[in-house]
Amino acid sequence: MSVSATASVIIHPATLADIPTIIELAEATWEPTYRFIISKEQIDYMYRVIYTPASLERQMTEQGHQFLLLLEDGQPGGFASYSAKAEAGTYHLNKIYILPSHQGRGFGQLLIRAVEEAVRQAGGLVLELNVNRHNPALAFYERQGFQRHHEEDIPIGPYWMNDYVMRKELR
């Protein structure tokens, strides 16, 4: 599917003032995204670690995460974040979430393209991401040109994230 010709879709950089909007979007997307992949306890734990106002502020101000907000007709519909990695020319897509009511309409593709363009403008050559090995979004990333690079198991508190690291060469 594609974005409706009548919808006005804008993607713009988020600021600290947008943290409440990011939290609102995360609250609406986090549980539906992961409920069939990881336990409710792990979902709740990870959410508390990643999406507090203080954590998001640290991500933006100390960790170099750039956030993009997608608005449809002026209303938030999704967000993404990315950051530079230590490896020269490599960037990481940290987050991409679309409201369940907005999925299947091409908004994820628009956010990926916006991140890719921002990374290219910053001199990036490679964009990578982590995705849970059981996440149905794996097929979405493959359709966007990402390829499985390697597997990675990452501890987060008492839990593990069992991921594929996927990469895409930006040309």
N, C-alpha and C. Protein backbone atom coordinates (compact mmCIF):
# COMPACT_ATOMS: atom_id res chain seq x y z
N MET A 1 0.84 -1.19 0.00
CA MET A 1 0.00 0.00 0.00
C MET A 1 0.87 1.24 0.00
N SER A 2 0.27 2.34 -0.35
CA SER A 2 1.03 3.58 -0.35
C SER A 2 0.26 4.64 0.41
N VAL A 3 0.95 5.72 0.67
CA VAL A 3 0.35 6.84 1.40
C VAL A 3 -0.74 7.47 0.54
N SER A 4 -1.85 7.78 1.16
CA SER A 4 -2.98 8.39 0.46
C SER A 4 -2.57 9.72 -0.17
N ALA A 5 -3.05 9.96 -1.37
CA ALA A 5 -2.73 11.21 -2.07
C ALA A 5 -3.33 12.41 -1.36
N THR A 6 -4.37 12.19 -0.54
CA THR A 6 -5.00 13.33 0.14
C THR A 6 -4.38 13.62 1.49
N ALA A 7 -3.60 12.68 2.01
CA ALA A 7 -2.98 12.88 3.32
C ALA A 7 -1.77 13.79 3.20
N SER A 8 -1.63 14.66 4.18
CA SER A 8 -0.46 15.51 4.26
C SER A 8 0.50 14.87 5.25
N VAL A 9 1.60 14.32 4.75
CA VAL A 9 2.57 13.64 5.59
C VAL A 9 3.85 14.45 5.63
N ILE A 10 4.30 14.72 6.85
CA ILE A 10 5.53 15.48 7.07
C ILE A 10 6.41 14.68 8.01
N ILE A 11 7.70 14.64 7.73
CA ILE A 11 8.67 14.05 8.63
C ILE A 11 9.64 15.15 9.00
N HIS A 12 9.82 15.37 10.30
CA HIS A 12 10.73 16.43 10.72
C HIS A 12 11.54 15.99 11.93
N PRO A 13 12.71 16.61 12.13
CA PRO A 13 13.53 16.27 13.30
C PRO A 13 12.78 16.60 14.59
N ALA A 14 12.89 15.72 15.57
CA ALA A 14 12.29 15.94 16.87
C ALA A 14 13.28 16.68 17.77
N THR A 15 12.73 17.38 18.73
CA THR A 15 13.53 18.11 19.72
C THR A 15 13.15 17.60 21.11
N LEU A 16 13.81 18.13 22.13
CA LEU A 16 13.47 17.76 23.49
C LEU A 16 12.00 18.05 23.79
N ALA A 17 11.45 19.08 23.18
CA ALA A 17 10.04 19.42 23.39
C ALA A 17 9.10 18.33 22.87
N ASP A 18 9.61 17.47 21.99
CA ASP A 18 8.79 16.39 21.42
C ASP A 18 8.82 15.10 22.24
N ILE A 19 9.55 15.08 23.34
CA ILE A 19 9.64 13.86 24.16
C ILE A 19 8.26 13.37 24.59
N PRO A 20 7.33 14.22 25.05
CA PRO A 20 6.00 13.69 25.39
C PRO A 20 5.29 13.02 24.21
N THR A 21 5.48 13.54 23.01
CA THR A 21 4.87 12.93 21.82
C THR A 21 5.51 11.58 21.53
N ILE A 22 6.83 11.48 21.66
CA ILE A 22 7.53 10.22 21.45
C ILE A 22 7.05 9.18 22.46
N ILE A 23 6.89 9.59 23.70
CA ILE A 23 6.40 8.67 24.74
C ILE A 23 4.98 8.22 24.41
N GLU A 24 4.14 9.14 23.98
CA GLU A 24 2.76 8.80 23.60
C GLU A 24 2.75 7.76 22.47
N LEU A 25 3.59 7.97 21.46
CA LEU A 25 3.68 7.01 20.36
C LEU A 25 4.22 5.67 20.84
N ALA A 26 5.23 5.71 21.70
CA ALA A 26 5.81 4.47 22.22
C ALA A 26 4.78 3.69 23.04
N GLU A 27 4.00 4.40 23.84
CA GLU A 27 2.97 3.73 24.65
C GLU A 27 1.97 2.99 23.75
N ALA A 28 1.68 3.56 22.59
CA ALA A 28 0.69 2.97 21.69
C ALA A 28 1.27 1.87 20.79
N THR A 29 2.59 1.82 20.64
CA THR A 29 3.20 0.87 19.71
C THR A 29 3.99 -0.25 20.37
N TRP A 30 4.55 0.01 21.55
CA TRP A 30 5.50 -0.92 22.16
C TRP A 30 4.89 -2.29 22.44
N GLU A 31 3.81 -2.33 23.19
CA GLU A 31 3.21 -3.61 23.56
C GLU A 31 2.68 -4.37 22.35
N PRO A 32 1.92 -3.72 21.44
CA PRO A 32 1.45 -4.47 20.26
C PRO A 32 2.59 -5.02 19.39
N THR A 33 3.73 -4.33 19.38
CA THR A 33 4.86 -4.77 18.58
C THR A 33 5.49 -6.03 19.15
N TYR A 34 5.60 -6.12 20.47
CA TYR A 34 6.39 -7.18 21.09
C TYR A 34 5.60 -8.26 21.81
N ARG A 35 4.29 -8.13 21.94
CA ARG A 35 3.53 -9.07 22.78
C ARG A 35 3.61 -10.52 22.34
N PHE A 36 3.87 -10.78 21.06
CA PHE A 36 3.96 -12.16 20.59
C PHE A 36 5.41 -12.64 20.47
N ILE A 37 6.35 -11.78 20.88
CA ILE A 37 7.77 -12.08 20.69
C ILE A 37 8.49 -12.30 22.02
N ILE A 38 8.20 -11.44 23.01
CA ILE A 38 8.87 -11.53 24.31
C ILE A 38 7.82 -11.46 25.41
N SER A 39 8.21 -11.78 26.63
CA SER A 39 7.27 -11.82 27.75
C SER A 39 6.80 -10.42 28.13
N LYS A 40 5.65 -10.36 28.77
CA LYS A 40 5.11 -9.09 29.27
C LYS A 40 6.09 -8.45 30.25
N GLU A 41 6.73 -9.27 31.08
CA GLU A 41 7.70 -8.75 32.04
C GLU A 41 8.88 -8.09 31.33
N GLN A 42 9.35 -8.72 30.26
CA GLN A 42 10.47 -8.13 29.51
C GLN A 42 10.02 -6.87 28.79
N ILE A 43 8.83 -6.88 28.22
CA ILE A 43 8.29 -5.69 27.56
C ILE A 43 8.26 -4.53 28.55
N ASP A 44 7.69 -4.77 29.71
CA ASP A 44 7.55 -3.72 30.72
C ASP A 44 8.92 -3.21 31.18
N TYR A 45 9.85 -4.13 31.42
CA TYR A 45 11.18 -3.75 31.87
C TYR A 45 11.89 -2.88 30.83
N MET A 46 11.91 -3.36 29.59
CA MET A 46 12.62 -2.63 28.54
C MET A 46 11.98 -1.26 28.30
N TYR A 47 10.66 -1.20 28.34
CA TYR A 47 9.97 0.07 28.13
C TYR A 47 10.40 1.07 29.21
N ARG A 48 10.44 0.61 30.46
CA ARG A 48 10.83 1.51 31.57
C ARG A 48 12.28 1.99 31.41
N VAL A 49 13.13 1.18 30.82
CA VAL A 49 14.53 1.56 30.63
C VAL A 49 14.67 2.57 29.48
N ILE A 50 13.92 2.37 28.41
CA ILE A 50 14.13 3.14 27.18
C ILE A 50 13.27 4.40 27.09
N TYR A 51 12.06 4.37 27.62
CA TYR A 51 11.11 5.44 27.30
C TYR A 51 10.70 6.34 28.45
N THR A 52 11.54 6.48 29.47
CA THR A 52 11.25 7.51 30.46
C THR A 52 11.68 8.85 29.86
N PRO A 53 11.10 9.95 30.33
CA PRO A 53 11.56 11.26 29.83
C PRO A 53 13.07 11.45 30.02
N ALA A 54 13.61 11.04 31.17
CA ALA A 54 15.05 11.20 31.41
C ALA A 54 15.88 10.36 30.44
N SER A 55 15.44 9.13 30.17
CA SER A 55 16.18 8.27 29.24
C SER A 55 16.16 8.85 27.83
N LEU A 56 15.00 9.31 27.37
CA LEU A 56 14.92 9.91 26.03
C LEU A 56 15.77 11.18 25.95
N GLU A 57 15.78 11.97 27.01
CA GLU A 57 16.62 13.17 27.00
C GLU A 57 18.09 12.79 26.90
N ARG A 58 18.52 11.76 27.65
CA ARG A 58 19.92 11.29 27.55
C ARG A 58 20.23 10.80 26.14
N GLN A 59 19.29 10.06 25.54
CA GLN A 59 19.51 9.57 24.19
C GLN A 59 19.75 10.74 23.24
N MET A 60 18.96 11.80 23.39
CA MET A 60 19.08 12.95 22.48
C MET A 60 20.30 13.81 22.78
N THR A 61 20.61 14.04 24.04
CA THR A 61 21.65 15.01 24.38
C THR A 61 23.02 14.41 24.62
N GLU A 62 23.07 13.16 25.11
CA GLU A 62 24.36 12.56 25.45
C GLU A 62 24.78 11.45 24.50
N GLN A 63 23.80 10.73 23.95
CA GLN A 63 24.12 9.56 23.14
C GLN A 63 24.04 9.83 21.64
N GLY A 64 23.71 11.05 21.24
CA GLY A 64 23.72 11.42 19.83
C GLY A 64 22.60 10.85 19.00
N HIS A 65 21.52 10.43 19.63
CA HIS A 65 20.39 9.90 18.85
C HIS A 65 19.61 11.05 18.23
N GLN A 66 19.39 10.94 16.94
CA GLN A 66 18.57 11.90 16.21
C GLN A 66 17.20 11.26 16.02
N PHE A 67 16.15 11.95 16.42
CA PHE A 67 14.79 11.43 16.28
C PHE A 67 14.07 12.15 15.16
N LEU A 68 13.27 11.40 14.42
CA LEU A 68 12.41 11.96 13.38
C LEU A 68 10.97 11.61 13.74
N LEU A 69 10.09 12.59 13.60
CA LEU A 69 8.65 12.39 13.83
C LEU A 69 7.92 12.41 12.51
N LEU A 70 7.00 11.48 12.34
CA LEU A 70 6.13 11.46 11.16
C LEU A 70 4.77 11.98 11.60
N LEU A 71 4.29 12.99 10.90
CA LEU A 71 2.96 13.57 11.16
C LEU A 71 2.10 13.37 9.93
N GLU A 72 0.87 12.92 10.15
CA GLU A 72 -0.11 12.84 9.08
C GLU A 72 -1.21 13.83 9.42
N ASP A 73 -1.44 14.78 8.53
CA ASP A 73 -2.43 15.83 8.76
C ASP A 73 -2.23 16.47 10.13
N GLY A 74 -0.96 16.68 10.49
CA GLY A 74 -0.61 17.35 11.73
C GLY A 74 -0.63 16.48 12.97
N GLN A 75 -1.02 15.21 12.84
CA GLN A 75 -1.11 14.31 13.99
C GLN A 75 0.04 13.29 13.97
N PRO A 76 0.68 13.03 15.11
CA PRO A 76 1.78 12.07 15.15
C PRO A 76 1.33 10.68 14.72
N GLY A 77 2.13 10.05 13.86
CA GLY A 77 1.82 8.71 13.38
C GLY A 77 2.94 7.72 13.57
N GLY A 78 4.14 8.23 13.88
CA GLY A 78 5.28 7.34 14.07
C GLY A 78 6.55 8.10 14.32
N PHE A 79 7.61 7.37 14.62
CA PHE A 79 8.91 8.01 14.83
C PHE A 79 10.03 7.02 14.55
N ALA A 80 11.20 7.57 14.36
CA ALA A 80 12.41 6.77 14.19
C ALA A 80 13.55 7.50 14.89
N SER A 81 14.60 6.76 15.22
CA SER A 81 15.82 7.41 15.71
C SER A 81 17.02 6.66 15.15
N TYR A 82 18.10 7.40 14.99
CA TYR A 82 19.34 6.84 14.45
C TYR A 82 20.51 7.55 15.09
N SER A 83 21.69 6.93 15.02
CA SER A 83 22.89 7.54 15.57
C SER A 83 24.11 6.97 14.87
N ALA A 84 25.20 7.73 14.95
CA ALA A 84 26.47 7.28 14.39
C ALA A 84 27.07 6.21 15.29
N LYS A 85 27.76 5.27 14.67
CA LYS A 85 28.48 4.24 15.42
C LYS A 85 29.96 4.59 15.42
N ALA A 86 30.74 3.88 16.21
CA ALA A 86 32.18 4.11 16.26
C ALA A 86 32.84 3.79 14.93
N GLU A 87 32.31 2.79 14.23
CA GLU A 87 32.84 2.40 12.92
C GLU A 87 32.55 3.51 11.92
N ALA A 88 33.58 4.09 11.33
CA ALA A 88 33.43 5.23 10.43
C ALA A 88 32.45 4.93 9.31
N GLY A 89 31.54 5.87 9.08
CA GLY A 89 30.58 5.75 7.99
C GLY A 89 29.38 4.87 8.29
N THR A 90 29.33 4.29 9.50
CA THR A 90 28.23 3.39 9.86
C THR A 90 27.30 4.07 10.85
N TYR A 91 26.02 3.96 10.59
CA TYR A 91 24.98 4.50 11.46
C TYR A 91 24.05 3.37 11.86
N HIS A 92 23.37 3.59 12.98
CA HIS A 92 22.47 2.57 13.50
C HIS A 92 21.05 3.13 13.59
N LEU A 93 20.10 2.41 13.04
CA LEU A 93 18.69 2.73 13.19
C LEU A 93 18.28 2.15 14.54
N ASN A 94 18.10 3.02 15.53
CA ASN A 94 17.82 2.57 16.89
C ASN A 94 16.36 2.19 17.09
N LYS A 95 15.47 2.95 16.45
CA LYS A 95 14.04 2.74 16.67
C LYS A 95 13.28 3.13 15.41
N ILE A 96 12.20 2.42 15.16
CA ILE A 96 11.22 2.84 14.16
C ILE A 96 9.89 2.21 14.56
N TYR A 97 8.93 3.06 14.82
CA TYR A 97 7.61 2.60 15.25
C TYR A 97 6.53 3.43 14.56
N ILE A 98 5.53 2.73 14.06
CA ILE A 98 4.37 3.33 13.42
C ILE A 98 3.14 2.91 14.23
N LEU A 99 2.25 3.85 14.49
CA LEU A 99 1.02 3.48 15.20
C LEU A 99 0.35 2.30 14.50
N PRO A 100 -0.19 1.36 15.25
CA PRO A 100 -0.87 0.23 14.61
C PRO A 100 -1.94 0.67 13.61
N SER A 101 -2.65 1.74 13.91
CA SER A 101 -3.69 2.24 13.00
C SER A 101 -3.13 2.82 11.71
N HIS A 102 -1.83 3.08 11.67
CA HIS A 102 -1.19 3.68 10.50
C HIS A 102 -0.33 2.68 9.72
N GLN A 103 -0.21 1.45 10.23
CA GLN A 103 0.66 0.47 9.58
C GLN A 103 0.04 -0.01 8.27
N GLY A 104 0.91 -0.42 7.35
CA GLY A 104 0.46 -0.92 6.06
C GLY A 104 0.13 0.16 5.06
N ARG A 105 0.50 1.40 5.36
CA ARG A 105 0.17 2.53 4.48
C ARG A 105 1.41 3.21 3.91
N GLY A 106 2.57 2.60 4.09
CA GLY A 106 3.79 3.15 3.51
C GLY A 106 4.56 4.09 4.41
N PHE A 107 4.07 4.32 5.64
CA PHE A 107 4.74 5.27 6.53
C PHE A 107 6.10 4.75 7.01
N GLY A 108 6.21 3.44 7.23
CA GLY A 108 7.49 2.87 7.63
C GLY A 108 8.54 3.08 6.55
N GLN A 109 8.14 2.89 5.29
CA GLN A 109 9.06 3.12 4.17
C GLN A 109 9.49 4.59 4.14
N LEU A 110 8.54 5.49 4.38
CA LEU A 110 8.88 6.92 4.37
C LEU A 110 9.89 7.25 5.47
N LEU A 111 9.69 6.69 6.65
CA LEU A 111 10.63 6.96 7.74
C LEU A 111 12.00 6.36 7.45
N ILE A 112 12.03 5.14 6.92
CA ILE A 112 13.33 4.53 6.54
C ILE A 112 14.04 5.41 5.52
N ARG A 113 13.32 5.85 4.51
CA ARG A 113 13.94 6.71 3.48
C ARG A 113 14.45 8.01 4.09
N ALA A 114 13.69 8.59 5.01
CA ALA A 114 14.11 9.84 5.65
C ALA A 114 15.39 9.62 6.47
N VAL A 115 15.47 8.50 7.18
CA VAL A 115 16.68 8.18 7.94
C VAL A 115 17.84 7.97 6.98
N GLU A 116 17.63 7.20 5.93
CA GLU A 116 18.70 6.95 4.95
C GLU A 116 19.22 8.26 4.38
N GLU A 117 18.33 9.16 4.04
CA GLU A 117 18.75 10.45 3.46
C GLU A 117 19.54 11.26 4.48
N ALA A 118 19.08 11.30 5.72
CA ALA A 118 19.81 12.04 6.76
C ALA A 118 21.19 11.44 6.99
N VAL A 119 21.28 10.12 6.97
CA VAL A 119 22.56 9.44 7.17
C VAL A 119 23.49 9.73 6.00
N ARG A 120 22.97 9.68 4.77
CA ARG A 120 23.79 10.02 3.60
C ARG A 120 24.32 11.45 3.71
N GLN A 121 23.45 12.37 4.08
CA GLN A 121 23.87 13.78 4.21
C GLN A 121 24.94 13.95 5.28
N ALA A 122 24.94 13.08 6.28
CA ALA A 122 25.95 13.13 7.33
C ALA A 122 27.22 12.38 6.94
N GLY A 123 27.26 11.83 5.72
CA GLY A 123 28.43 11.11 5.26
C GLY A 123 28.39 9.62 5.53
N GLY A 124 27.24 9.11 5.95
CA GLY A 124 27.12 7.69 6.24
C GLY A 124 27.11 6.84 4.98
N LEU A 125 27.70 5.67 5.09
CA LEU A 125 27.78 4.72 3.98
C LEU A 125 26.98 3.45 4.24
N VAL A 126 26.75 3.15 5.53
CA VAL A 126 26.06 1.92 5.93
C VAL A 126 25.06 2.27 7.02
N LEU A 127 23.87 1.68 6.90
CA LEU A 127 22.86 1.80 7.95
C LEU A 127 22.59 0.39 8.45
N GLU A 128 22.66 0.22 9.76
CA GLU A 128 22.37 -1.09 10.32
C GLU A 128 21.29 -0.97 11.38
N LEU A 129 20.73 -2.10 11.74
CA LEU A 129 19.69 -2.14 12.77
C LEU A 129 19.71 -3.50 13.43
N ASN A 130 19.12 -3.56 14.61
CA ASN A 130 18.90 -4.83 15.30
C ASN A 130 17.41 -5.12 15.24
N VAL A 131 17.07 -6.38 15.00
CA VAL A 131 15.68 -6.82 15.01
C VAL A 131 15.63 -8.19 15.67
N ASN A 132 14.66 -8.36 16.56
CA ASN A 132 14.47 -9.65 17.21
C ASN A 132 14.31 -10.73 16.15
N ARG A 133 14.94 -11.85 16.36
CA ARG A 133 14.94 -12.92 15.36
C ARG A 133 13.54 -13.48 15.09
N HIS A 134 12.57 -13.18 15.95
CA HIS A 134 11.20 -13.67 15.75
C HIS A 134 10.23 -12.55 15.39
N ASN A 135 10.75 -11.37 15.12
CA ASN A 135 9.90 -10.21 14.83
C ASN A 135 9.43 -10.28 13.37
N PRO A 136 8.12 -10.23 13.13
CA PRO A 136 7.62 -10.22 11.75
C PRO A 136 8.15 -9.04 10.92
N ALA A 137 8.63 -7.98 11.58
CA ALA A 137 9.19 -6.83 10.86
C ALA A 137 10.44 -7.20 10.08
N LEU A 138 11.02 -8.35 10.36
CA LEU A 138 12.20 -8.81 9.62
C LEU A 138 11.93 -8.77 8.11
N ALA A 139 10.76 -9.22 7.69
CA ALA A 139 10.43 -9.22 6.26
C ALA A 139 10.34 -7.79 5.73
N PHE A 140 9.81 -6.86 6.54
CA PHE A 140 9.74 -5.46 6.13
C PHE A 140 11.14 -4.92 5.87
N TYR A 141 12.06 -5.18 6.79
CA TYR A 141 13.44 -4.68 6.61
C TYR A 141 14.10 -5.28 5.38
N GLU A 142 13.85 -6.56 5.14
CA GLU A 142 14.42 -7.19 3.95
C GLU A 142 13.87 -6.54 2.68
N ARG A 143 12.58 -6.19 2.67
CA ARG A 143 11.99 -5.50 1.51
C ARG A 143 12.59 -4.11 1.32
N GLN A 144 13.12 -3.53 2.39
CA GLN A 144 13.74 -2.21 2.30
C GLN A 144 15.22 -2.30 1.90
N GLY A 145 15.69 -3.51 1.65
CA GLY A 145 17.07 -3.69 1.18
C GLY A 145 18.07 -4.05 2.25
N PHE A 146 17.63 -4.28 3.49
CA PHE A 146 18.54 -4.69 4.55
C PHE A 146 18.80 -6.19 4.43
N GLN A 147 20.02 -6.59 4.77
CA GLN A 147 20.40 -8.00 4.73
C GLN A 147 20.92 -8.42 6.09
N ARG A 148 20.64 -9.66 6.44
CA ARG A 148 21.14 -10.19 7.71
C ARG A 148 22.66 -10.21 7.66
N HIS A 149 23.27 -9.61 8.67
CA HIS A 149 24.72 -9.53 8.74
C HIS A 149 25.27 -10.54 9.74
N HIS A 150 24.69 -10.55 10.94
CA HIS A 150 25.07 -11.55 11.96
C HIS A 150 24.02 -11.57 13.06
N GLU A 151 24.14 -12.56 13.96
CA GLU A 151 23.26 -12.66 15.12
C GLU A 151 23.96 -12.04 16.32
N GLU A 152 23.15 -11.50 17.24
CA GLU A 152 23.70 -10.86 18.42
C GLU A 152 22.73 -11.08 19.58
N ASP A 153 23.24 -11.51 20.72
CA ASP A 153 22.44 -11.67 21.93
C ASP A 153 22.93 -10.63 22.93
N ILE A 154 22.01 -9.73 23.32
CA ILE A 154 22.37 -8.58 24.14
C ILE A 154 21.62 -8.65 25.47
N PRO A 155 22.36 -8.61 26.60
CA PRO A 155 21.67 -8.60 27.88
C PRO A 155 21.06 -7.22 28.15
N ILE A 156 19.85 -7.21 28.66
CA ILE A 156 19.22 -5.97 29.11
C ILE A 156 18.57 -6.30 30.45
N GLY A 157 19.23 -5.86 31.52
CA GLY A 157 18.78 -6.25 32.85
C GLY A 157 18.83 -7.76 32.96
N PRO A 158 17.76 -8.37 33.47
CA PRO A 158 17.74 -9.83 33.62
C PRO A 158 17.30 -10.56 32.34
N TYR A 159 17.13 -9.84 31.25
CA TYR A 159 16.58 -10.41 30.01
C TYR A 159 17.63 -10.38 28.90
N TRP A 160 17.28 -11.02 27.80
CA TRP A 160 18.15 -11.04 26.63
C TRP A 160 17.37 -10.57 25.41
N MET A 161 18.06 -9.82 24.57
CA MET A 161 17.52 -9.49 23.25
C MET A 161 18.26 -10.41 22.28
N ASN A 162 17.52 -11.25 21.59
CA ASN A 162 18.09 -12.21 20.63
C ASN A 162 17.80 -11.68 19.24
N ASP A 163 18.80 -11.00 18.66
CA ASP A 163 18.59 -10.21 17.45
C ASP A 163 19.40 -10.70 16.27
N TYR A 164 18.93 -10.28 15.10
CA TYR A 164 19.75 -10.21 13.90
C TYR A 164 20.23 -8.77 13.80
N VAL A 165 21.48 -8.61 13.41
CA VAL A 165 21.95 -7.30 12.99
C VAL A 165 21.85 -7.31 11.48
N MET A 166 21.12 -6.32 10.95
CA MET A 166 20.91 -6.22 9.52
C MET A 166 21.61 -4.97 9.02
N ARG A 167 22.12 -5.03 7.80
CA ARG A 167 22.85 -3.90 7.23
C ARG A 167 22.34 -3.58 5.83
N LYS A 168 22.49 -2.31 5.50
CA LYS A 168 22.17 -1.85 4.15
C LYS A 168 23.25 -0.86 3.73
N GLU A 169 23.83 -1.12 2.57
CA GLU A 169 24.80 -0.19 1.99
C GLU A 169 24.02 0.99 1.40
N LEU A 170 24.45 2.20 1.73
CA LEU A 170 23.77 3.39 1.19
C LEU A 170 24.57 3.92 0.01
N ARG A 171 23.96 3.95 -1.12
CA ARG A 171 24.64 4.41 -2.35
C ARG A 171 23.93 5.62 -2.88
